Amino acid sequence: MKIYFAGSIRGGRQDRQKYLELIEFLSTHAEVLTEHVGSKSLGVNGETELHDETICQRDLEWLSSAEAVVAEVTTPSLGVGYEIGMAERLAKPVVCLFDESQTEFRLSAMLSGNANLTVCRYQAVGEAKRKISEFLSSLPQT
């Protein structure tokens, strides 16, 4: 199974360690196409060695080839929102993870009110991992 993991890059990297932990967990269950999102070397400027057009095209190809999307949405990000919208358009199953314990932000109604998305609120990474496991086990096996 191929999973597209979405997390903030240019919108802020304060959750990078959490992304890394979730990606490592996901990697034990599936191929994560976007492992770089958790990379320590990736800062708020993103992948500076690639043109934005190249990144966009590559990521859209990965999104198309993925069987599901796991999006960590605690840090607001235009890119993650776009990826979720594209995944919905492509009829990909999407789980949105929102950490209620550490944010001054409220989850967007465009996510929490969307019946086509699975929205999971959590307060610890272990709880997020359990919710990911539940989401993955609910997907059709290929």
Protein backbone atom coordinates (compact mmCIF):
# COMPACT_ATOMS: atom_id res chain seq x y z
CA MET A 1 0.00 0.00 0.00
CA LYS A 2 1.20 3.51 -0.83
CA ILE A 3 0.45 6.37 1.55
CA TYR A 4 0.81 10.09 0.90
CA PHE A 5 1.69 11.87 4.14
CA ALA A 6 0.86 15.57 4.20
CA GLY A 7 2.28 18.01 6.75
CA SER A 8 3.24 21.65 6.82
CA ILE A 9 6.53 22.70 5.27
CA ARG A 10 6.41 26.36 4.26
CA GLY A 11 3.54 27.02 6.65
CA GLY A 12 5.79 26.22 9.62
CA ARG A 13 8.00 23.36 10.76
CA GLN A 14 7.17 23.33 14.49
CA ASP A 15 5.58 19.86 14.14
CA ARG A 16 8.46 18.31 12.14
CA GLN A 17 9.44 15.89 14.92
CA LYS A 18 5.84 14.71 15.19
CA TYR A 19 5.70 14.23 11.40
CA LEU A 20 8.89 12.15 11.56
CA GLU A 21 7.46 9.95 14.30
CA LEU A 22 4.18 9.44 12.42
CA ILE A 23 5.99 8.73 9.14
CA GLU A 24 8.24 6.16 10.84
CA PHE A 25 5.13 4.50 12.26
CA LEU A 26 3.35 4.58 8.89
CA SER A 27 6.43 3.06 7.22
CA THR A 28 5.91 -0.11 9.25
CA HIS A 29 2.49 -0.52 7.58
CA ALA A 30 2.91 0.93 4.09
CA GLU A 31 5.21 2.68 1.65
CA VAL A 32 5.23 6.38 2.52
CA LEU A 33 5.76 8.37 -0.67
CA THR A 34 6.51 11.64 1.14
CA GLU A 35 8.97 10.63 3.84
CA HIS A 36 10.90 13.88 3.31
CA VAL A 37 8.12 15.84 5.09
CA GLY A 38 9.59 14.68 8.41
CA SER A 39 13.21 15.30 7.44
CA LYS A 40 15.39 17.30 9.84
CA SER A 41 17.13 18.93 6.88
CA LEU A 42 13.90 20.33 5.42
CA GLY A 43 13.22 23.86 6.66
CA VAL A 44 10.46 26.41 6.08
CA ASN A 45 11.88 27.17 2.64
CA GLY A 46 11.15 23.61 1.53
CA GLU A 47 13.21 21.80 -1.06
CA THR A 48 15.35 24.68 -2.29
CA GLU A 49 17.26 22.57 -4.83
CA LEU A 50 14.05 21.97 -6.86
CA HIS A 51 11.85 24.44 -8.73
CA ASP A 52 8.34 24.87 -7.34
CA GLU A 53 6.86 23.53 -10.61
CA THR A 54 8.92 20.34 -10.27
CA ILE A 55 7.81 19.85 -6.67
CA CYS A 56 4.17 20.44 -7.56
CA GLN A 57 4.21 17.99 -10.49
CA ARG A 58 6.06 15.32 -8.48
CA ASP A 59 3.74 15.63 -5.50
CA LEU A 60 0.62 15.46 -7.68
CA GLU A 61 1.99 12.28 -9.27
CA TRP A 62 2.64 10.80 -5.83
CA LEU A 63 -0.83 11.82 -4.71
CA SER A 64 -2.37 10.15 -7.76
CA SER A 65 -0.46 6.92 -7.14
CA ALA A 66 -1.24 6.77 -3.40
CA GLU A 67 -4.04 4.60 -2.10
CA ALA A 68 -4.72 6.90 0.85
CA VAL A 69 -3.68 10.16 2.45
CA VAL A 70 -2.67 10.80 6.05
CA ALA A 71 -2.64 14.55 6.73
CA GLU A 72 -1.38 16.11 9.97
CA VAL A 73 -3.34 19.38 9.98
CA THR A 74 -2.45 20.97 13.31
CA THR A 75 -0.21 23.61 11.71
CA PRO A 76 -2.31 25.44 9.12
CA SER A 77 -0.85 25.05 5.62
CA LEU A 78 -2.16 26.12 2.22
CA GLY A 79 -0.28 23.23 0.60
CA VAL A 80 -1.76 20.60 2.90
CA GLY A 81 -5.24 22.02 2.31
CA TYR A 82 -4.67 21.81 -1.43
CA GLU A 83 -3.41 18.23 -1.15
CA ILE A 84 -6.49 17.24 0.85
CA GLY A 85 -8.76 18.87 -1.73
CA MET A 86 -6.98 17.07 -4.58
CA ALA A 87 -7.16 13.76 -2.71
CA GLU A 88 -10.89 14.24 -2.25
CA ARG A 89 -11.27 15.04 -5.95
CA LEU A 90 -9.33 11.85 -6.77
CA ALA A 91 -11.62 9.89 -4.40
CA LYS A 92 -8.72 8.93 -2.12
CA PRO A 93 -9.49 8.06 1.50
CA VAL A 94 -8.14 10.83 3.75
CA VAL A 95 -7.56 10.97 7.49
CA CYS A 96 -6.86 14.38 9.01
CA LEU A 97 -5.06 14.37 12.36
CA PHE A 98 -5.44 17.40 14.63
CA ASP A 99 -3.48 17.75 17.88
CA GLU A 100 -5.77 19.52 20.33
CA SER A 101 -3.14 19.66 23.07
CA GLN A 102 -0.72 22.20 21.66
CA THR A 103 -2.28 24.67 19.31
CA GLU A 104 -3.81 28.09 19.42
CA PHE A 105 -5.54 27.30 16.13
CA ARG A 106 -8.98 25.81 15.67
CA LEU A 107 -9.53 23.13 13.09
CA SER A 108 -11.05 24.52 9.89
CA ALA A 109 -14.74 23.79 9.38
CA MET A 110 -13.81 22.85 5.80
CA LEU A 111 -12.17 19.77 7.31
CA SER A 112 -14.23 19.06 10.41
CA GLY A 113 -17.49 19.60 8.52
CA ASN A 114 -16.55 17.48 5.49
CA ALA A 115 -18.24 14.06 5.59
CA ASN A 116 -15.81 12.78 2.91
CA LEU A 117 -12.87 13.05 5.32
CA THR A 118 -12.03 11.11 8.45
CA VAL A 119 -11.09 13.69 11.09
CA CYS A 120 -9.31 12.49 14.22
CA ARG A 121 -8.50 14.75 17.14
CA TYR A 122 -5.75 13.60 19.46
CA GLN A 123 -3.67 14.80 22.39
CA ALA A 124 -0.62 12.52 22.23
CA VAL A 125 1.35 10.97 19.37
CA GLY A 126 0.51 7.46 20.61
CA GLU A 127 -3.16 8.27 20.25
CA ALA A 128 -2.53 9.57 16.70
CA LYS A 129 -0.77 6.30 15.85
CA ARG A 130 -3.78 4.30 17.09
CA LYS A 131 -6.07 6.42 14.94
CA ILE A 132 -3.82 5.86 11.93
CA SER A 133 -3.95 2.10 12.54
CA GLU A 134 -7.75 2.21 12.71
CA PHE A 135 -7.87 4.24 9.49
CA LEU A 136 -5.52 1.87 7.64
CA SER A 137 -7.44 -1.21 8.82
CA SER A 138 -10.66 0.33 7.47
CA LEU A 139 -9.22 0.61 3.95
CA PRO A 140 -9.89 -2.03 1.31
CA GLN A 141 -6.95 -4.42 1.01
CA THR A 142 -5.20 -4.37 -2.36
